[in-house]
Amino acid sequence: MKINRDEVIKLGVIARIALKDDEIDGLVRQLQDVLDYAECVKTVAGETDDQPSNKNVNFFREDVVIPTHSEVILQRSPEREENYFVVPKILDSK
């Protein structure tokens, strides 16, 4: 995608930014550099779409569910209320 002087002027009007004539050519170059870089990122990101993600995958062991009674864990808690841990309040509801 190529950006030109008229598009930069339109962007300035939409953003309500006063642009001087001597600033416009520099902005065209800068915006074009940003668009070129975004195109490079898009190309590189498109190349990795076929590869499966390894995020959050444990290769070292099988995930096994081990049933545990909550009472054993809650007994070690400094403070509890019924079947819940009591923790300090960190968010205000204001």
Protein backbone atom coordinates (compact mmCIF):
# COMPACT_ATOMS: atom_id res chain seq x y z
CA MET A 1 0.00 0.00 0.00
CA LYS A 2 1.35 3.41 -0.92
CA ILE A 3 0.44 6.61 0.85
CA ASN A 4 0.57 9.99 -0.82
CA ARG A 5 0.50 13.65 0.12
CA ASP A 6 -3.29 14.01 -0.31
CA GLU A 7 -3.95 11.11 2.07
CA VAL A 8 -1.70 12.65 4.72
CA ILE A 9 -3.59 15.94 4.38
CA LYS A 10 -6.92 14.04 4.75
CA LEU A 11 -5.59 12.27 7.86
CA GLY A 12 -4.57 15.63 9.31
CA VAL A 13 -8.07 17.01 8.73
CA ILE A 14 -9.74 13.94 10.25
CA ALA A 15 -7.42 14.03 13.27
CA ARG A 16 -7.80 17.82 13.49
CA ILE A 17 -4.05 18.32 13.33
CA ALA A 18 -2.71 21.48 11.74
CA LEU A 19 -0.04 20.41 9.25
CA LYS A 20 2.46 22.80 7.71
CA ASP A 21 3.42 22.29 4.06
CA ASP A 22 7.04 21.58 4.96
CA GLU A 23 5.96 18.79 7.38
CA ILE A 24 3.79 16.84 4.95
CA ASP A 25 6.57 15.25 2.85
CA GLY A 26 8.35 14.01 5.98
CA LEU A 27 5.10 12.54 7.28
CA VAL A 28 4.49 10.79 3.95
CA ARG A 29 7.90 9.09 4.26
CA GLN A 30 7.36 8.16 7.91
CA LEU A 31 3.88 6.76 7.35
CA GLN A 32 5.10 4.85 4.31
CA ASP A 33 7.87 3.33 6.43
CA VAL A 34 5.28 2.24 9.00
CA LEU A 35 3.08 0.68 6.32
CA ASP A 36 6.06 -1.09 4.73
CA TYR A 37 7.07 -2.51 8.10
CA ALA A 38 3.50 -3.65 8.80
CA GLU A 39 3.49 -5.43 5.44
CA CYS A 40 6.73 -7.23 6.37
CA VAL A 41 5.25 -8.31 9.70
CA LYS A 42 2.09 -9.48 7.97
CA THR A 43 4.15 -11.53 5.51
CA VAL A 44 6.22 -13.16 8.26
CA ALA A 45 3.15 -13.83 10.41
CA GLY A 46 1.41 -15.41 7.43
CA GLU A 47 4.26 -17.87 6.99
CA THR A 48 3.75 -19.31 10.50
CA ASP A 49 0.00 -19.96 10.22
CA ASP A 50 0.54 -23.59 9.17
CA GLN A 51 2.70 -24.46 12.15
CA PRO A 52 0.97 -25.78 15.28
CA SER A 53 1.36 -23.74 18.42
CA ASN A 54 3.47 -25.23 21.20
CA LYS A 55 2.21 -22.74 23.74
CA ASN A 56 1.04 -24.25 27.03
CA VAL A 57 2.09 -27.76 26.05
CA ASN A 58 4.05 -29.86 28.51
CA PHE A 59 6.36 -32.23 26.63
CA PHE A 60 7.86 -33.81 29.74
CA ARG A 61 4.90 -35.67 31.23
CA GLU A 62 1.38 -36.75 30.57
CA ASP A 63 -1.30 -34.59 32.20
CA VAL A 64 -3.04 -36.75 34.77
CA VAL A 65 -5.94 -35.70 36.96
CA ILE A 66 -5.31 -36.68 40.57
CA PRO A 67 -8.40 -36.47 42.77
CA THR A 68 -7.62 -34.52 45.93
CA HIS A 69 -9.87 -33.74 48.86
CA SER A 70 -10.00 -30.01 49.48
CA GLU A 71 -10.01 -30.49 53.25
CA VAL A 72 -6.34 -31.58 53.24
CA ILE A 73 -5.31 -28.42 51.41
CA LEU A 74 -7.62 -26.08 53.35
CA GLN A 75 -6.23 -27.32 56.68
CA ARG A 76 -2.87 -25.80 55.74
CA SER A 77 -4.41 -22.40 55.02
CA PRO A 78 -3.75 -19.61 57.54
CA GLU A 79 -7.41 -18.60 57.31
CA ARG A 80 -10.46 -20.18 55.72
CA GLU A 81 -14.20 -19.82 55.58
CA GLU A 82 -16.09 -23.05 54.90
CA ASN A 83 -14.53 -24.48 51.70
CA TYR A 84 -12.74 -21.29 50.65
CA PHE A 85 -9.42 -19.58 51.32
CA VAL A 86 -9.67 -16.16 52.97
CA VAL A 87 -7.32 -13.69 51.28
CA PRO A 88 -6.74 -9.95 51.69
CA LYS A 89 -9.03 -7.70 49.69
CA ILE A 90 -7.11 -6.04 46.83
CA LEU A 91 -9.87 -4.43 44.75
CA ASP A 92 -12.30 -1.75 45.85
CA SER A 93 -15.85 -1.81 44.54
CA LYS A 94 -16.06 1.97 44.19
